[in-house]
Amino acid sequence: MKNKPSMSIIRGLLFTYDIENTDDLEREKIIASRNINDDKELVRLFDELTKPEFLLYTRIEQEWFIDSISHFLATNDNFDAVFKTMSTYFSAPVTDQKNFMRVLLNCLRNYYNASNLKF
């Protein structure tokens, strides 16, 4: 049985970037130094900070993240439910929230597929 798509779990995955997250000056510097509106820099940021956390989740949880983002992109959601409830270390606002999520989704799929090859 699959889990229902959830904005709250997407927000949970992005908690790494939230200022409410435990203080970690090195992580804060990394986040603030990236142009999150540039796809290549965003991928670098996800590779560095999201990938290690994502790979700690079970396969079912990983699929839930992927399925949730896919669902909300397919329904043309604007992801305000995620971004309007977060205060981040990003040095600029996310100008295209859907693109941010598309880049995240592609990264998550890559991490999922690469880790599946190890089993």
C-alpha atoms as a PDB file:
ATOM      1  CA  MET A   1       0.000   0.000   0.000  1.00  0.00           C
ATOM      2  CA  LYS A   2       1.357   3.379  -1.021  1.00  0.00           C
ATOM      3  CA  ASN A   3       1.321   6.416   1.222  1.00  0.00           C
ATOM      4  CA  LYS A   4      -0.812   9.386   0.205  1.00  0.00           C
ATOM      5  CA  PRO A   5       1.084  12.346  -1.261  1.00  0.00           C
ATOM      6  CA  SER A   6       2.005  14.778   1.487  1.00  0.00           C
ATOM      7  CA  MET A   7       3.269  18.347   1.524  1.00  0.00           C
ATOM      8  CA  SER A   8       4.338  17.944   5.133  1.00  0.00           C
ATOM      9  CA  ILE A   9       6.788  15.172   4.318  1.00  0.00           C
ATOM     10  CA  ILE A  10       8.267  17.304   1.526  1.00  0.00           C
ATOM     11  CA  ARG A  11       8.706  20.119   4.022  1.00  0.00           C
ATOM     12  CA  GLY A  12      10.291  17.627   6.409  1.00  0.00           C
ATOM     13  CA  LEU A  13      12.839  16.638   3.775  1.00  0.00           C
ATOM     14  CA  LEU A  14      13.704  20.298   3.270  1.00  0.00           C
ATOM     15  CA  PHE A  15      14.059  20.929   7.008  1.00  0.00           C
ATOM     16  CA  THR A  16      17.827  20.803   6.430  1.00  0.00           C
ATOM     17  CA  TYR A  17      17.525  24.285   4.937  1.00  0.00           C
ATOM     18  CA  ASP A  18      15.222  25.749   7.604  1.00  0.00           C
ATOM     19  CA  ILE A  19      16.588  28.172  10.200  1.00  0.00           C
ATOM     20  CA  GLU A  20      14.637  26.242  12.830  1.00  0.00           C
ATOM     21  CA  ASN A  21      17.038  23.357  12.268  1.00  0.00           C
ATOM     22  CA  THR A  22      19.825  22.931  14.840  1.00  0.00           C
ATOM     23  CA  ASP A  23      22.621  25.441  14.461  1.00  0.00           C
ATOM     24  CA  ASP A  24      25.400  24.204  12.222  1.00  0.00           C
ATOM     25  CA  LEU A  25      27.521  27.107  11.010  1.00  0.00           C
ATOM     26  CA  GLU A  26      29.245  25.082   8.294  1.00  0.00           C
ATOM     27  CA  ARG A  27      25.919  23.899   6.847  1.00  0.00           C
ATOM     28  CA  GLU A  28      24.509  27.437   7.068  1.00  0.00           C
ATOM     29  CA  LYS A  29      27.507  28.780   5.113  1.00  0.00           C
ATOM     30  CA  ILE A  30      27.086  26.114   2.438  1.00  0.00           C
ATOM     31  CA  ILE A  31      23.392  26.905   2.033  1.00  0.00           C
ATOM     32  CA  ALA A  32      23.870  30.676   1.944  1.00  0.00           C
ATOM     33  CA  SER A  33      26.741  30.415  -0.546  1.00  0.00           C
ATOM     34  CA  ARG A  34      24.702  28.679  -3.261  1.00  0.00           C
ATOM     35  CA  ASN A  35      22.506  30.387  -5.820  1.00  0.00           C
ATOM     36  CA  ILE A  36      19.406  28.283  -5.332  1.00  0.00           C
ATOM     37  CA  ASN A  37      17.865  29.788  -8.473  1.00  0.00           C
ATOM     38  CA  ASP A  38      20.608  28.254 -10.620  1.00  0.00           C
ATOM     39  CA  ASP A  39      19.893  24.596 -11.395  1.00  0.00           C
ATOM     40  CA  LYS A  40      23.544  23.491 -11.340  1.00  0.00           C
ATOM     41  CA  GLU A  41      24.216  25.094  -7.975  1.00  0.00           C
ATOM     42  CA  LEU A  42      20.961  23.716  -6.624  1.00  0.00           C
ATOM     43  CA  VAL A  43      21.977  20.199  -7.681  1.00  0.00           C
ATOM     44  CA  ARG A  44      25.339  20.679  -5.938  1.00  0.00           C
ATOM     45  CA  LEU A  45      23.533  21.788  -2.795  1.00  0.00           C
ATOM     46  CA  PHE A  46      21.154  18.814  -2.874  1.00  0.00           C
ATOM     47  CA  ASP A  47      24.053  16.428  -3.545  1.00  0.00           C
ATOM     48  CA  GLU A  48      25.922  17.771  -0.557  1.00  0.00           C
ATOM     49  CA  LEU A  49      23.132  18.156   1.993  1.00  0.00           C
ATOM     50  CA  THR A  50      19.981  16.320   0.896  1.00  0.00           C
ATOM     51  CA  LYS A  51      21.459  13.146  -0.550  1.00  0.00           C
ATOM     52  CA  PRO A  52      23.063  11.838   2.670  1.00  0.00           C
ATOM     53  CA  GLU A  53      19.833  12.382   4.610  1.00  0.00           C
ATOM     54  CA  PHE A  54      17.632  10.938   1.851  1.00  0.00           C
ATOM     55  CA  LEU A  55      19.698   7.766   1.735  1.00  0.00           C
ATOM     56  CA  LEU A  56      19.078   7.191   5.461  1.00  0.00           C
ATOM     57  CA  TYR A  57      15.356   6.760   4.816  1.00  0.00           C
ATOM     58  CA  THR A  58      13.821   3.387   4.001  1.00  0.00           C
ATOM     59  CA  ARG A  59      12.988   2.573   0.377  1.00  0.00           C
ATOM     60  CA  ILE A  60       9.292   3.067   1.139  1.00  0.00           C
ATOM     61  CA  GLU A  61       9.961   6.508   2.636  1.00  0.00           C
ATOM     62  CA  GLN A  62      12.163   7.453  -0.330  1.00  0.00           C
ATOM     63  CA  GLU A  63       9.378   6.430  -2.688  1.00  0.00           C
ATOM     64  CA  TRP A  64       6.935   8.523  -0.654  1.00  0.00           C
ATOM     65  CA  PHE A  65       9.083  11.632  -1.139  1.00  0.00           C
ATOM     66  CA  ILE A  66       9.401  10.965  -4.868  1.00  0.00           C
ATOM     67  CA  ASP A  67       5.708  10.147  -5.305  1.00  0.00           C
ATOM     68  CA  SER A  68       4.607  13.195  -3.300  1.00  0.00           C
ATOM     69  CA  ILE A  69       6.695  15.660  -5.303  1.00  0.00           C
ATOM     70  CA  SER A  70       5.630  13.970  -8.563  1.00  0.00           C
ATOM     71  CA  HIS A  71       1.972  14.173  -7.562  1.00  0.00           C
ATOM     72  CA  PHE A  72       2.046  17.855  -6.668  1.00  0.00           C
ATOM     73  CA  LEU A  73       3.987  18.742  -9.817  1.00  0.00           C
ATOM     74  CA  ALA A  74       1.434  16.808 -11.892  1.00  0.00           C
ATOM     75  CA  THR A  75      -1.423  18.716 -10.247  1.00  0.00           C
ATOM     76  CA  ASN A  76       0.388  21.997 -10.991  1.00  0.00           C
ATOM     77  CA  ASP A  77       0.670  22.895  -7.307  1.00  0.00           C
ATOM     78  CA  ASN A  78       2.706  26.024  -6.549  1.00  0.00           C
ATOM     79  CA  PHE A  79       4.299  24.519  -3.406  1.00  0.00           C
ATOM     80  CA  ASP A  80       3.374  27.526  -1.282  1.00  0.00           C
ATOM     81  CA  ALA A  81       2.446  25.047   1.451  1.00  0.00           C
ATOM     82  CA  VAL A  82       6.152  24.224   1.676  1.00  0.00           C
ATOM     83  CA  PHE A  83       7.868  27.498   0.955  1.00  0.00           C
ATOM     84  CA  LYS A  84       5.534  29.884   2.778  1.00  0.00           C
ATOM     85  CA  THR A  85       5.992  27.945   6.019  1.00  0.00           C
ATOM     86  CA  MET A  86       9.804  27.897   5.926  1.00  0.00           C
ATOM     87  CA  SER A  87      12.413  30.448   6.834  1.00  0.00           C
ATOM     88  CA  THR A  88      15.598  29.327   5.169  1.00  0.00           C
ATOM     89  CA  TYR A  89      19.288  30.077   5.015  1.00  0.00           C
ATOM     90  CA  PHE A  90      18.949  30.703   1.268  1.00  0.00           C
ATOM     91  CA  SER A  91      20.558  34.001   0.313  1.00  0.00           C
ATOM     92  CA  ALA A  92      17.661  34.811  -2.043  1.00  0.00           C
ATOM     93  CA  PRO A  93      14.031  33.773  -2.373  1.00  0.00           C
ATOM     94  CA  VAL A  94      13.199  30.807  -4.587  1.00  0.00           C
ATOM     95  CA  THR A  95      11.995  32.497  -7.782  1.00  0.00           C
ATOM     96  CA  ASP A  96      10.472  29.385  -9.381  1.00  0.00           C
ATOM     97  CA  GLN A  97       9.195  26.985  -6.744  1.00  0.00           C
ATOM     98  CA  LYS A  98       8.050  24.389  -9.286  1.00  0.00           C
ATOM     99  CA  ASN A  99      11.469  24.324 -10.915  1.00  0.00           C
ATOM    100  CA  PHE A 100      13.091  23.974  -7.494  1.00  0.00           C
ATOM    101  CA  MET A 101      10.888  20.933  -6.902  1.00  0.00           C
ATOM    102  CA  ARG A 102      11.576  19.493 -10.372  1.00  0.00           C
ATOM    103  CA  VAL A 103      15.324  19.729  -9.705  1.00  0.00           C
ATOM    104  CA  LEU A 104      14.834  18.149  -6.278  1.00  0.00           C
ATOM    105  CA  LEU A 105      12.714  15.364  -7.775  1.00  0.00           C
ATOM    106  CA  ASN A 106      15.338  14.580 -10.417  1.00  0.00           C
ATOM    107  CA  CYS A 107      18.025  14.433  -7.740  1.00  0.00           C
ATOM    108  CA  LEU A 108      15.934  12.184  -5.503  1.00  0.00           C
ATOM    109  CA  ARG A 109      15.255   9.823  -8.409  1.00  0.00           C
ATOM    110  CA  ASN A 110      18.973   9.689  -9.185  1.00  0.00           C
ATOM    111  CA  TYR A 111      19.851   8.958  -5.540  1.00  0.00           C
ATOM    112  CA  TYR A 112      17.137   6.317  -5.346  1.00  0.00           C
ATOM    113  CA  ASN A 113      18.220   4.597  -8.561  1.00  0.00           C
ATOM    114  CA  ALA A 114      21.941   4.725  -7.703  1.00  0.00           C
ATOM    115  CA  SER A 115      21.370   3.291  -4.228  1.00  0.00           C
ATOM    116  CA  ASN A 116      19.152   0.556  -5.683  1.00  0.00           C
ATOM    117  CA  LEU A 117      22.089  -0.663  -7.765  1.00  0.00           C
ATOM    118  CA  LYS A 118      24.023  -1.411  -4.572  1.00  0.00           C
ATOM    119  CA  PHE A 119      21.520  -4.028  -3.378  1.00  0.00           C
END
